[in-house]
Full PDB file with SEQRES, HELIX, SHEET, SSBOND, CRYST1, ORIGX, SCALE, CONECT and MASTER records, all heavy atoms in Angstrom:
SEQRES   1 A   39  GLU ALA ARG ALA PHE ALA TYR GLU ILE PRO GLU GLY SER          
SEQRES   2 A   39  LEU SER TYR PRO VAL VAL TYR PHE ASP SER ASP THR SER          
SEQRES   3 A   39  GLY GLU LYS ASP PHE GLU GLU PHE TYR VAL PRO GLY GLU          
HELIX    1 AA1 ALA A    2  GLU A    8  1                                   7    
CRYST1    1.000    1.000    1.000  90.00  90.00  90.00 P 1           1          
ORIGX1      1.000000  0.000000  0.000000        0.00000                         
ORIGX2      0.000000  1.000000  0.000000        0.00000                         
ORIGX3      0.000000  0.000000  1.000000        0.00000                         
SCALE1      1.000000  0.000000  0.000000        0.00000                         
SCALE2      0.000000  1.000000  0.000000        0.00000                         
SCALE3      0.000000  0.000000  1.000000        0.00000                         
ATOM      1  N   GLU A   1     -14.565   1.819   0.216  1.00  0.00           N  
ATOM      2  CA  GLU A   1     -14.780   2.601  -1.010  1.00  0.00           C  
ATOM      3  C   GLU A   1     -14.092   1.934  -2.202  1.00  0.00           C  
ATOM      4  O   GLU A   1     -14.666   1.844  -3.303  1.00  0.00           O  
ATOM      5  CB  GLU A   1     -14.250   4.023  -0.819  1.00  0.00           C  
ATOM      6  CG  GLU A   1     -14.400   4.905  -2.054  1.00  0.00           C  
ATOM      7  CD  GLU A   1     -13.643   6.223  -1.948  1.00  0.00           C  
ATOM      8  OE1 GLU A   1     -13.142   6.543  -0.841  1.00  0.00           O  
ATOM      9  OE2 GLU A   1     -13.530   6.927  -2.979  1.00  0.00           O  
ATOM     10  N   ALA A   2     -12.864   1.457  -1.986  1.00  0.00           N  
ATOM     11  CA  ALA A   2     -12.107   0.823  -3.074  1.00  0.00           C  
ATOM     12  C   ALA A   2     -12.760  -0.488  -3.505  1.00  0.00           C  
ATOM     13  O   ALA A   2     -12.843  -0.786  -4.703  1.00  0.00           O  
ATOM     14  CB  ALA A   2     -10.671   0.577  -2.621  1.00  0.00           C  
ATOM     15  N   ARG A   3     -13.229  -1.286  -2.534  1.00  0.00           N  
ATOM     16  CA  ARG A   3     -13.891  -2.549  -2.881  1.00  0.00           C  
ATOM     17  C   ARG A   3     -15.164  -2.296  -3.689  1.00  0.00           C  
ATOM     18  O   ARG A   3     -15.436  -3.004  -4.665  1.00  0.00           O  
ATOM     19  CB  ARG A   3     -14.211  -3.347  -1.616  1.00  0.00           C  
ATOM     20  CG  ARG A   3     -13.006  -4.034  -0.986  1.00  0.00           C  
ATOM     21  CD  ARG A   3     -13.417  -5.010   0.098  1.00  0.00           C  
ATOM     22  NE  ARG A   3     -13.962  -4.331   1.265  1.00  0.00           N  
ATOM     23  CZ  ARG A   3     -13.261  -4.032   2.359  1.00  0.00           C  
ATOM     24  NH1 ARG A   3     -11.966  -4.355   2.421  1.00  0.00           N  
ATOM     25  NH2 ARG A   3     -13.828  -3.429   3.386  1.00  0.00           N  
ATOM     26  N   ALA A   4     -15.930  -1.290  -3.276  1.00  0.00           N  
ATOM     27  CA  ALA A   4     -17.170  -0.964  -3.983  1.00  0.00           C  
ATOM     28  C   ALA A   4     -16.875  -0.481  -5.407  1.00  0.00           C  
ATOM     29  O   ALA A   4     -17.557  -0.868  -6.366  1.00  0.00           O  
ATOM     30  CB  ALA A   4     -17.948   0.104  -3.212  1.00  0.00           C  
ATOM     31  N   PHE A   5     -15.841   0.350  -5.544  1.00  0.00           N  
ATOM     32  CA  PHE A   5     -15.477   0.858  -6.870  1.00  0.00           C  
ATOM     33  C   PHE A   5     -15.061  -0.293  -7.787  1.00  0.00           C  
ATOM     34  O   PHE A   5     -15.456  -0.354  -8.950  1.00  0.00           O  
ATOM     35  CB  PHE A   5     -14.339   1.871  -6.744  1.00  0.00           C  
ATOM     36  CG  PHE A   5     -14.015   2.598  -8.024  1.00  0.00           C  
ATOM     37  CD1 PHE A   5     -14.605   3.807  -8.329  1.00  0.00           C  
ATOM     38  CD2 PHE A   5     -13.115   2.062  -8.943  1.00  0.00           C  
ATOM     39  CE1 PHE A   5     -14.311   4.482  -9.518  1.00  0.00           C  
ATOM     40  CE2 PHE A   5     -12.809   2.707 -10.126  1.00  0.00           C  
ATOM     41  CZ  PHE A   5     -13.415   3.932 -10.410  1.00  0.00           C  
ATOM     42  N   ALA A   6     -14.246  -1.225  -7.247  1.00  0.00           N  
ATOM     43  CA  ALA A   6     -13.788  -2.360  -8.041  1.00  0.00           C  
ATOM     44  C   ALA A   6     -14.951  -3.254  -8.443  1.00  0.00           C  
ATOM     45  O   ALA A   6     -14.994  -3.792  -9.564  1.00  0.00           O  
ATOM     46  CB  ALA A   6     -12.755  -3.164  -7.248  1.00  0.00           C  
ATOM     47  N   TYR A   7     -15.920  -3.427  -7.552  1.00  0.00           N  
ATOM     48  CA  TYR A   7     -17.080  -4.288  -7.827  1.00  0.00           C  
ATOM     49  C   TYR A   7     -17.965  -3.702  -8.921  1.00  0.00           C  
ATOM     50  O   TYR A   7     -18.503  -4.431  -9.759  1.00  0.00           O  
ATOM     51  CB  TYR A   7     -17.890  -4.472  -6.550  1.00  0.00           C  
ATOM     52  CG  TYR A   7     -19.095  -5.367  -6.701  1.00  0.00           C  
ATOM     53  CD1 TYR A   7     -18.956  -6.749  -6.791  1.00  0.00           C  
ATOM     54  CD2 TYR A   7     -20.378  -4.812  -6.765  1.00  0.00           C  
ATOM     55  CE1 TYR A   7     -20.062  -7.571  -6.947  1.00  0.00           C  
ATOM     56  CE2 TYR A   7     -21.492  -5.619  -6.915  1.00  0.00           C  
ATOM     57  CZ  TYR A   7     -21.332  -7.005  -7.005  1.00  0.00           C  
ATOM     58  OH  TYR A   7     -22.437  -7.815  -7.160  1.00  0.00           O  
ATOM     59  N   GLU A   8     -18.079  -2.371  -8.927  1.00  0.00           N  
ATOM     60  CA  GLU A   8     -19.006  -1.713  -9.853  1.00  0.00           C  
ATOM     61  C   GLU A   8     -18.338  -1.250 -11.141  1.00  0.00           C  
ATOM     62  O   GLU A   8     -19.022  -0.774 -12.055  1.00  0.00           O  
ATOM     63  CB  GLU A   8     -19.636  -0.497  -9.155  1.00  0.00           C  
ATOM     64  CG  GLU A   8     -20.502  -0.883  -7.948  1.00  0.00           C  
ATOM     65  CD  GLU A   8     -20.849   0.305  -7.078  1.00  0.00           C  
ATOM     66  OE1 GLU A   8     -20.415   1.442  -7.428  1.00  0.00           O  
ATOM     67  OE2 GLU A   8     -21.528   0.109  -6.054  1.00  0.00           O  
ATOM     68  N   ILE A   9     -17.033  -1.381 -11.230  1.00  0.00           N  
ATOM     69  CA  ILE A   9     -16.310  -0.865 -12.391  1.00  0.00           C  
ATOM     70  C   ILE A   9     -16.752  -1.584 -13.658  1.00  0.00           C  
ATOM     71  O   ILE A   9     -16.840  -2.828 -13.697  1.00  0.00           O  
ATOM     72  CB  ILE A   9     -14.783  -1.006 -12.185  1.00  0.00           C  
ATOM     73  CG1 ILE A   9     -13.992  -0.205 -13.208  1.00  0.00           C  
ATOM     74  CG2 ILE A   9     -14.340  -2.460 -12.241  1.00  0.00           C  
ATOM     75  CD1 ILE A   9     -12.502  -0.113 -12.883  1.00  0.00           C  
ATOM     76  N   PRO A  10     -17.101  -0.863 -14.713  1.00  0.00           N  
ATOM     77  CA  PRO A  10     -17.564  -1.513 -15.946  1.00  0.00           C  
ATOM     78  C   PRO A  10     -16.416  -2.204 -16.693  1.00  0.00           C  
ATOM     79  O   PRO A  10     -15.252  -1.797 -16.583  1.00  0.00           O  
ATOM     80  CB  PRO A  10     -18.139  -0.348 -16.760  1.00  0.00           C  
ATOM     81  CG  PRO A  10     -17.450   0.870 -16.236  1.00  0.00           C  
ATOM     82  CD  PRO A  10     -17.189   0.601 -14.788  1.00  0.00           C  
ATOM     83  N   GLU A  11     -16.742  -3.236 -17.421  1.00  0.00           N  
ATOM     84  CA  GLU A  11     -15.763  -3.953 -18.232  1.00  0.00           C  
ATOM     85  C   GLU A  11     -15.103  -2.999 -19.215  1.00  0.00           C  
ATOM     86  O   GLU A  11     -15.779  -2.203 -19.875  1.00  0.00           O  
ATOM     87  CB  GLU A  11     -16.444  -5.105 -18.977  1.00  0.00           C  
ATOM     88  CG  GLU A  11     -15.490  -6.052 -19.677  1.00  0.00           C  
ATOM     89  CD  GLU A  11     -14.714  -6.928 -18.696  1.00  0.00           C  
ATOM     90  OE1 GLU A  11     -15.253  -7.241 -17.617  1.00  0.00           O  
ATOM     91  OE2 GLU A  11     -13.568  -7.292 -19.015  1.00  0.00           O  
ATOM     92  N   GLY A  12     -13.789  -3.042 -19.282  1.00  0.00           N  
ATOM     93  CA  GLY A  12     -13.070  -2.194 -20.226  1.00  0.00           C  
ATOM     94  C   GLY A  12     -12.680  -0.834 -19.679  1.00  0.00           C  
ATOM     95  O   GLY A  12     -11.987  -0.062 -20.349  1.00  0.00           O  
ATOM     96  N   SER A  13     -13.075  -0.526 -18.436  1.00  0.00           N  
ATOM     97  CA  SER A  13     -12.705   0.753 -17.843  1.00  0.00           C  
ATOM     98  C   SER A  13     -11.202   0.804 -17.600  1.00  0.00           C  
ATOM     99  O   SER A  13     -10.579  -0.189 -17.226  1.00  0.00           O  
ATOM    100  CB  SER A  13     -13.451   0.957 -16.520  1.00  0.00           C  
ATOM    101  OG  SER A  13     -12.962   2.102 -15.848  1.00  0.00           O  
ATOM    102  N   LEU A  14     -10.617   1.970 -17.812  1.00  0.00           N  
ATOM    103  CA  LEU A  14      -9.185   2.147 -17.589  1.00  0.00           C  
ATOM    104  C   LEU A  14      -8.890   2.811 -16.249  1.00  0.00           C  
ATOM    105  O   LEU A  14      -7.744   3.141 -15.953  1.00  0.00           O  
ATOM    106  CB  LEU A  14      -8.579   2.967 -18.728  1.00  0.00           C  
ATOM    107  CG  LEU A  14      -8.634   2.308 -20.118  1.00  0.00           C  
ATOM    108  CD1 LEU A  14      -8.000   3.208 -21.162  1.00  0.00           C  
ATOM    109  CD2 LEU A  14      -7.944   0.955 -20.097  1.00  0.00           C  
ATOM    110  N   SER A  15      -9.907   2.995 -15.439  1.00  0.00           N  
ATOM    111  CA  SER A  15      -9.735   3.560 -14.113  1.00  0.00           C  
ATOM    112  C   SER A  15      -9.676   2.431 -13.091  1.00  0.00           C  
ATOM    113  O   SER A  15     -10.542   1.545 -13.103  1.00  0.00           O  
ATOM    114  CB  SER A  15     -10.893   4.502 -13.792  1.00  0.00           C  
ATOM    115  OG  SER A  15     -10.697   5.145 -12.552  1.00  0.00           O  
ATOM    116  N   TYR A  16      -8.647   2.454 -12.222  1.00  0.00           N  
ATOM    117  CA  TYR A  16      -8.470   1.332 -11.290  1.00  0.00           C  
ATOM    118  C   TYR A  16      -8.305   1.851  -9.857  1.00  0.00           C  
ATOM    119  O   TYR A  16      -7.538   2.788  -9.605  1.00  0.00           O  
ATOM    120  CB  TYR A  16      -7.246   0.496 -11.675  1.00  0.00           C  
ATOM    121  CG  TYR A  16      -7.385  -0.940 -11.237  1.00  0.00           C  
ATOM    122  CD1 TYR A  16      -7.965  -1.887 -12.081  1.00  0.00           C  
ATOM    123  CD2 TYR A  16      -6.995  -1.348  -9.964  1.00  0.00           C  
ATOM    124  CE1 TYR A  16      -8.140  -3.206 -11.675  1.00  0.00           C  
ATOM    125  CE2 TYR A  16      -7.161  -2.653  -9.548  1.00  0.00           C  
ATOM    126  CZ  TYR A  16      -7.736  -3.582 -10.413  1.00  0.00           C  
ATOM    127  OH  TYR A  16      -7.929  -4.884 -10.006  1.00  0.00           O  
ATOM    128  N   PRO A  17      -9.031   1.221  -8.906  1.00  0.00           N  
ATOM    129  CA  PRO A  17      -9.011   1.719  -7.527  1.00  0.00           C  
ATOM    130  C   PRO A  17      -7.747   1.343  -6.761  1.00  0.00           C  
ATOM    131  O   PRO A  17      -7.266   0.209  -6.823  1.00  0.00           O  
ATOM    132  CB  PRO A  17     -10.236   1.050  -6.903  1.00  0.00           C  
ATOM    133  CG  PRO A  17     -10.396  -0.229  -7.665  1.00  0.00           C  
ATOM    134  CD  PRO A  17      -9.966   0.090  -9.079  1.00  0.00           C  
ATOM    135  N   VAL A  18      -7.216   2.318  -6.010  1.00  0.00           N  
ATOM    136  CA  VAL A  18      -6.074   2.087  -5.121  1.00  0.00           C  
ATOM    137  C   VAL A  18      -6.353   2.754  -3.778  1.00  0.00           C  
ATOM    138  O   VAL A  18      -7.119   3.711  -3.696  1.00  0.00           O  
ATOM    139  CB  VAL A  18      -4.750   2.634  -5.705  1.00  0.00           C  
ATOM    140  CG1 VAL A  18      -4.445   2.029  -7.064  1.00  0.00           C  
ATOM    141  CG2 VAL A  18      -4.790   4.157  -5.782  1.00  0.00           C  
ATOM    142  N   VAL A  19      -5.716   2.228  -2.747  1.00  0.00           N  
ATOM    143  CA  VAL A  19      -5.732   2.862  -1.429  1.00  0.00           C  
ATOM    144  C   VAL A  19      -4.285   2.996  -0.970  1.00  0.00           C  
ATOM    145  O   VAL A  19      -3.575   1.992  -0.844  1.00  0.00           O  
ATOM    146  CB  VAL A  19      -6.526   2.033  -0.390  1.00  0.00           C  
ATOM    147  CG1 VAL A  19      -6.464   2.720   0.979  1.00  0.00           C  
ATOM    148  CG2 VAL A  19      -7.964   1.841  -0.828  1.00  0.00           C  
ATOM    149  N   TYR A  20      -3.840   4.223  -0.747  1.00  0.00           N  
ATOM    150  CA  TYR A  20      -2.502   4.476  -0.220  1.00  0.00           C  
ATOM    151  C   TYR A  20      -2.649   4.978   1.226  1.00  0.00           C  
ATOM    152  O   TYR A  20      -3.496   5.826   1.513  1.00  0.00           O  
ATOM    153  CB  TYR A  20      -1.775   5.515  -1.058  1.00  0.00           C  
ATOM    154  CG  TYR A  20      -1.463   5.057  -2.470  1.00  0.00           C  
ATOM    155  CD1 TYR A  20      -1.308   5.972  -3.507  1.00  0.00           C  
ATOM    156  CD2 TYR A  20      -1.331   3.710  -2.776  1.00  0.00           C  
ATOM    157  CE1 TYR A  20      -1.012   5.561  -4.804  1.00  0.00           C  
ATOM    158  CE2 TYR A  20      -1.047   3.284  -4.072  1.00  0.00           C  
ATOM    159  CZ  TYR A  20      -0.897   4.213  -5.073  1.00  0.00           C  
ATOM    160  OH  TYR A  20      -0.628   3.784  -6.350  1.00  0.00           O  
ATOM    161  N   PHE A  21      -1.828   4.450   2.109  1.00  0.00           N  
ATOM    162  CA  PHE A  21      -1.993   4.757   3.525  1.00  0.00           C  
ATOM    163  C   PHE A  21      -0.640   4.964   4.197  1.00  0.00           C  
ATOM    164  O   PHE A  21       0.397   4.515   3.701  1.00  0.00           O  
ATOM    165  CB  PHE A  21      -2.748   3.618   4.229  1.00  0.00           C  
ATOM    166  CG  PHE A  21      -2.041   2.288   4.160  1.00  0.00           C  
ATOM    167  CD1 PHE A  21      -1.147   1.894   5.151  1.00  0.00           C  
ATOM    168  CD2 PHE A  21      -2.252   1.426   3.083  1.00  0.00           C  
ATOM    169  CE1 PHE A  21      -0.479   0.682   5.079  1.00  0.00           C  
ATOM    170  CE2 PHE A  21      -1.584   0.208   3.008  1.00  0.00           C  
ATOM    171  CZ  PHE A  21      -0.707  -0.166   4.007  1.00  0.00           C  
ATOM    172  N   ASP A  22      -0.664   5.633   5.329  1.00  0.00           N  
ATOM    173  CA  ASP A  22       0.519   5.728   6.184  1.00  0.00           C  
ATOM    174  C   ASP A  22       0.577   4.471   7.049  1.00  0.00           C  
ATOM    175  O   ASP A  22      -0.430   4.055   7.624  1.00  0.00           O  
ATOM    176  CB  ASP A  22       0.444   6.971   7.078  1.00  0.00           C  
ATOM    177  CG  ASP A  22       0.630   8.257   6.291  1.00  0.00           C  
ATOM    178  OD1 ASP A  22       1.473   8.273   5.383  1.00  0.00           O  
ATOM    179  OD2 ASP A  22      -0.093   9.240   6.587  1.00  0.00           O  
ATOM    180  N   SER A  23       1.753   3.870   7.138  1.00  0.00           N  
ATOM    181  CA  SER A  23       1.896   2.614   7.862  1.00  0.00           C  
ATOM    182  C   SER A  23       1.504   2.785   9.324  1.00  0.00           C  
ATOM    183  O   SER A  23       1.945   3.725   9.994  1.00  0.00           O  
ATOM    184  CB  SER A  23       3.337   2.115   7.753  1.00  0.00           C  
ATOM    185  OG  SER A  23       3.490   0.911   8.456  1.00  0.00           O  
ATOM    186  N   ASP A  24       0.669   1.855   9.814  1.00  0.00           N  
ATOM    187  CA  ASP A  24       0.224   1.940  11.204  1.00  0.00           C  
ATOM    188  C   ASP A  24       0.151   0.569  11.865  1.00  0.00           C  
ATOM    189  O   ASP A  24      -0.598   0.364  12.813  1.00  0.00           O  
ATOM    190  CB  ASP A  24      -1.153   2.621  11.284  1.00  0.00           C  
ATOM    191  CG  ASP A  24      -2.237   1.859  10.518  1.00  0.00           C  
ATOM    192  OD1 ASP A  24      -1.899   0.881   9.817  1.00  0.00           O  
ATOM    193  OD2 ASP A  24      -3.417   2.240  10.635  1.00  0.00           O  
ATOM    194  N   THR A  25       0.951  -0.388  11.362  1.00  0.00           N  
ATOM    195  CA  THR A  25       0.935  -1.744  11.915  1.00  0.00           C  
ATOM    196  C   THR A  25       2.222  -2.038  12.684  1.00  0.00           C  
ATOM    197  O   THR A  25       3.249  -1.385  12.482  1.00  0.00           O  
ATOM    198  CB  THR A  25       0.763  -2.789  10.793  1.00  0.00           C  
ATOM    199  OG1 THR A  25       1.754  -2.577   9.784  1.00  0.00           O  
ATOM    200  CG2 THR A  25      -0.619  -2.687  10.168  1.00  0.00           C  
ATOM    201  N   SER A  26       2.160  -3.022  13.550  1.00  0.00           N  
ATOM    202  CA  SER A  26       3.306  -3.380  14.394  1.00  0.00           C  
ATOM    203  C   SER A  26       4.504  -3.806  13.548  1.00  0.00           C  
ATOM    204  O   SER A  26       4.359  -4.495  12.535  1.00  0.00           O  
ATOM    205  CB  SER A  26       2.928  -4.528  15.339  1.00  0.00           C  
ATOM    206  OG  SER A  26       1.920  -4.123  16.236  1.00  0.00           O  
ATOM    207  N   GLY A  27       5.690  -3.380  13.989  1.00  0.00           N  
ATOM    208  CA  GLY A  27       6.929  -3.878  13.411  1.00  0.00           C  
ATOM    209  C   GLY A  27       7.362  -3.260  12.103  1.00  0.00           C  
ATOM    210  O   GLY A  27       8.332  -3.707  11.499  1.00  0.00           O  
ATOM    211  N   GLU A  28       6.658  -2.218  11.641  1.00  0.00           N  
ATOM    212  CA  GLU A  28       7.042  -1.606  10.364  1.00  0.00           C  
ATOM    213  C   GLU A  28       8.093  -0.525  10.579  1.00  0.00           C  
ATOM    214  O   GLU A  28       7.913   0.394  11.373  1.00  0.00           O  
ATOM    215  CB  GLU A  28       5.829  -1.016   9.654  1.00  0.00           C  
ATOM    216  CG  GLU A  28       4.945  -2.051   8.980  1.00  0.00           C  
ATOM    217  CD  GLU A  28       5.609  -2.757   7.820  1.00  0.00           C  
ATOM    218  OE1 GLU A  28       6.663  -2.299   7.339  1.00  0.00           O  
ATOM    219  OE2 GLU A  28       5.067  -3.798   7.395  1.00  0.00           O  
ATOM    220  N   LYS A  29       9.187  -0.639   9.845  1.00  0.00           N  
ATOM    221  CA  LYS A  29      10.281   0.332   9.880  1.00  0.00           C  
ATOM    222  C   LYS A  29      10.191   1.143   8.596  1.00  0.00           C  
ATOM    223  O   LYS A  29      10.028   0.570   7.510  1.00  0.00           O  
ATOM    224  CB  LYS A  29      11.603  -0.440   9.954  1.00  0.00           C  
ATOM    225  CG  LYS A  29      12.829   0.330  10.365  1.00  0.00           C  
ATOM    226  CD  LYS A  29      13.987  -0.669  10.509  1.00  0.00           C  
ATOM    227  CE  LYS A  29      15.255  -0.018  11.001  1.00  0.00           C  
ATOM    228  NZ  LYS A  29      16.331  -1.027  11.175  1.00  0.00           N  
ATOM    229  N   ASP A  30      10.293   2.459   8.673  1.00  0.00           N  
ATOM    230  CA  ASP A  30      10.052   3.258   7.478  1.00  0.00           C  
ATOM    231  C   ASP A  30      11.282   3.403   6.583  1.00  0.00           C  
ATOM    232  O   ASP A  30      11.235   4.067   5.558  1.00  0.00           O  
ATOM    233  CB  ASP A  30       9.489   4.642   7.834  1.00  0.00           C  
ATOM    234  CG  ASP A  30      10.403   5.436   8.763  1.00  0.00           C  
ATOM    235  OD1 ASP A  30      11.513   4.951   9.048  1.00  0.00           O  
ATOM    236  OD2 ASP A  30       9.999   6.530   9.205  1.00  0.00           O  
ATOM    237  N   PHE A  31      12.413   2.756   6.969  1.00  0.00           N  
ATOM    238  CA  PHE A  31      13.607   2.769   6.123  1.00  0.00           C  
ATOM    239  C   PHE A  31      14.370   1.467   6.373  1.00  0.00           C  
ATOM    240  O   PHE A  31      14.019   0.686   7.249  1.00  0.00           O  
ATOM    241  CB  PHE A  31      14.499   3.972   6.441  1.00  0.00           C  
ATOM    242  CG  PHE A  31      15.094   3.922   7.828  1.00  0.00           C  
ATOM    243  CD1 PHE A  31      16.372   3.436   8.029  1.00  0.00           C  
ATOM    244  CD2 PHE A  31      14.369   4.348   8.933  1.00  0.00           C  
ATOM    245  CE1 PHE A  31      16.918   3.366   9.302  1.00  0.00           C  
ATOM    246  CE2 PHE A  31      14.904   4.288  10.213  1.00  0.00           C  
ATOM    247  CZ  PHE A  31      16.177   3.792  10.392  1.00  0.00           C  
ATOM    248  N   GLU A  32      15.409   1.228   5.571  1.00  0.00           N  
ATOM    249  CA  GLU A  32      16.179  -0.002   5.697  1.00  0.00           C  
ATOM    250  C   GLU A  32      17.657   0.309   5.879  1.00  0.00           C  
ATOM    251  O   GLU A  32      18.152   1.332   5.405  1.00  0.00           O  
ATOM    252  CB  GLU A  32      15.985  -0.882   4.454  1.00  0.00           C  
ATOM    253  CG  GLU A  32      14.585  -1.481   4.371  1.00  0.00           C  
ATOM    254  CD  GLU A  32      14.446  -2.451   3.209  1.00  0.00           C  
ATOM    255  OE1 GLU A  32      14.789  -2.080   2.078  1.00  0.00           O  
ATOM    256  OE2 GLU A  32      13.984  -3.575   3.436  1.00  0.00           O  
ATOM    257  N   GLU A  33      18.350  -0.607   6.558  1.00  0.00           N  
ATOM    258  CA  GLU A  33      19.795  -0.490   6.745  1.00  0.00           C  
ATOM    259  C   GLU A  33      20.387  -1.901   6.758  1.00  0.00           C  
ATOM    260  O   GLU A  33      19.702  -2.866   7.093  1.00  0.00           O  
ATOM    261  CB  GLU A  33      20.111   0.254   8.044  1.00  0.00           C  
ATOM    262  CG  GLU A  33      19.441  -0.332   9.275  1.00  0.00           C  
ATOM    263  CD  GLU A  33      19.515   0.579  10.486  1.00  0.00           C  
ATOM    264  OE1 GLU A  33      20.473   1.366  10.593  1.00  0.00           O  
ATOM    265  OE2 GLU A  33      18.608   0.490  11.329  1.00  0.00           O  
ATOM    266  N   PHE A  34      21.651  -2.002   6.362  1.00  0.00           N  
ATOM    267  CA  PHE A  34      22.281  -3.313   6.222  1.00  0.00           C  
ATOM    268  C   PHE A  34      23.284  -3.634   7.322  1.00  0.00           C  
ATOM    269  O   PHE A  34      23.625  -4.788   7.520  1.00  0.00           O  
ATOM    270  CB  PHE A  34      22.975  -3.412   4.866  1.00  0.00           C  
ATOM    271  CG  PHE A  34      22.021  -3.398   3.695  1.00  0.00           C  
ATOM    272  CD1 PHE A  34      22.040  -2.350   2.790  1.00  0.00           C  
ATOM    273  CD2 PHE A  34      21.107  -4.414   3.508  1.00  0.00           C  
ATOM    274  CE1 PHE A  34      21.168  -2.327   1.717  1.00  0.00           C  
ATOM    275  CE2 PHE A  34      20.237  -4.404   2.434  1.00  0.00           C  
ATOM    276  CZ  PHE A  34      20.262  -3.354   1.535  1.00  0.00           C  
ATOM    277  N   TYR A  35      23.799  -2.629   8.006  1.00  0.00           N  
ATOM    278  CA  TYR A  35      24.779  -2.882   9.063  1.00  0.00           C  
ATOM    279  C   TYR A  35      24.621  -1.838  10.155  1.00  0.00           C  
ATOM    280  O   TYR A  35      23.957  -0.805   9.972  1.00  0.00           O  
ATOM    281  CB  TYR A  35      26.206  -2.895   8.511  1.00  0.00           C  
ATOM    282  CG  TYR A  35      26.597  -1.660   7.727  1.00  0.00           C  
ATOM    283  CD1 TYR A  35      27.191  -0.569   8.352  1.00  0.00           C  
ATOM    284  CD2 TYR A  35      26.380  -1.592   6.357  1.00  0.00           C  
ATOM    285  CE1 TYR A  35      27.550   0.564   7.644  1.00  0.00           C  
ATOM    286  CE2 TYR A  35      26.738  -0.456   5.626  1.00  0.00           C  
ATOM    287  CZ  TYR A  35      27.316   0.611   6.278  1.00  0.00           C  
ATOM    288  OH  TYR A  35      27.662   1.734   5.571  1.00  0.00           O  
ATOM    289  N   VAL A  36      25.227  -2.106  11.296  1.00  0.00           N  
ATOM    290  CA  VAL A  36      25.056  -1.244  12.468  1.00  0.00           C  
ATOM    291  C   VAL A  36      26.431  -0.898  13.031  1.00  0.00           C  
ATOM    292  O   VAL A  36      27.433  -1.557  12.713  1.00  0.00           O  
ATOM    293  CB  VAL A  36      24.196  -1.947  13.549  1.00  0.00           C  
ATOM    294  CG1 VAL A  36      22.812  -2.256  13.003  1.00  0.00           C  
ATOM    295  CG2 VAL A  36      24.867  -3.230  14.038  1.00  0.00           C  
ATOM    296  N   PRO A  37      26.516   0.130  13.865  1.00  0.00           N  
ATOM    297  CA  PRO A  37      27.805   0.474  14.485  1.00  0.00           C  
ATOM    298  C   PRO A  37      28.401  -0.715  15.234  1.00  0.00           C  
ATOM    299  O   PRO A  37      27.697  -1.487  15.877  1.00  0.00           O  
ATOM    300  CB  PRO A  37      27.420   1.607  15.457  1.00  0.00           C  
ATOM    301  CG  PRO A  37      26.193   2.217  14.859  1.00  0.00           C  
ATOM    302  CD  PRO A  37      25.448   1.088  14.220  1.00  0.00           C  
ATOM    303  N   GLY A  38      29.722  -0.851  15.108  1.00  0.00           N  
ATOM    304  CA  GLY A  38      30.417  -1.951  15.763  1.00  0.00           C  
ATOM    305  C   GLY A  38      30.703  -3.114  14.832  1.00  0.00           C  
ATOM    306  O   GLY A  38      31.517  -3.989  15.168  1.00  0.00           O  
ATOM    307  N   GLU A  39      30.041  -3.148  13.670  1.00  0.00           N  
ATOM    308  CA  GLU A  39      30.310  -4.201  12.684  1.00  0.00           C  
ATOM    309  C   GLU A  39      31.348  -3.677  11.685  1.00  0.00           C  
ATOM    310  O   GLU A  39      31.168  -2.586  11.126  1.00  0.00           O  
ATOM    311  CB  GLU A  39      29.024  -4.604  11.962  1.00  0.00           C  
ATOM    312  CG  GLU A  39      28.006  -5.240  12.893  1.00  0.00           C  
ATOM    313  CD  GLU A  39      26.700  -5.594  12.214  1.00  0.00           C  
ATOM    314  OE1 GLU A  39      26.337  -4.956  11.206  1.00  0.00           O  
ATOM    315  OE2 GLU A  39      26.020  -6.520  12.702  1.00  0.00           O  
TER     316      GLU A  39                                                      
MASTER        0    0    0    1    0    0    0    6  315    1    0    3          
END                                                                             
């Protein structure tokens, strides 16, 4: 849907397509940390 919208968008339009998703790929951590217990 986003690719089609971007392809058909008229020159000068101020509307821009985005896709926001919940992460579903390998190795993704939903938060960050700098140190662990014992350090």
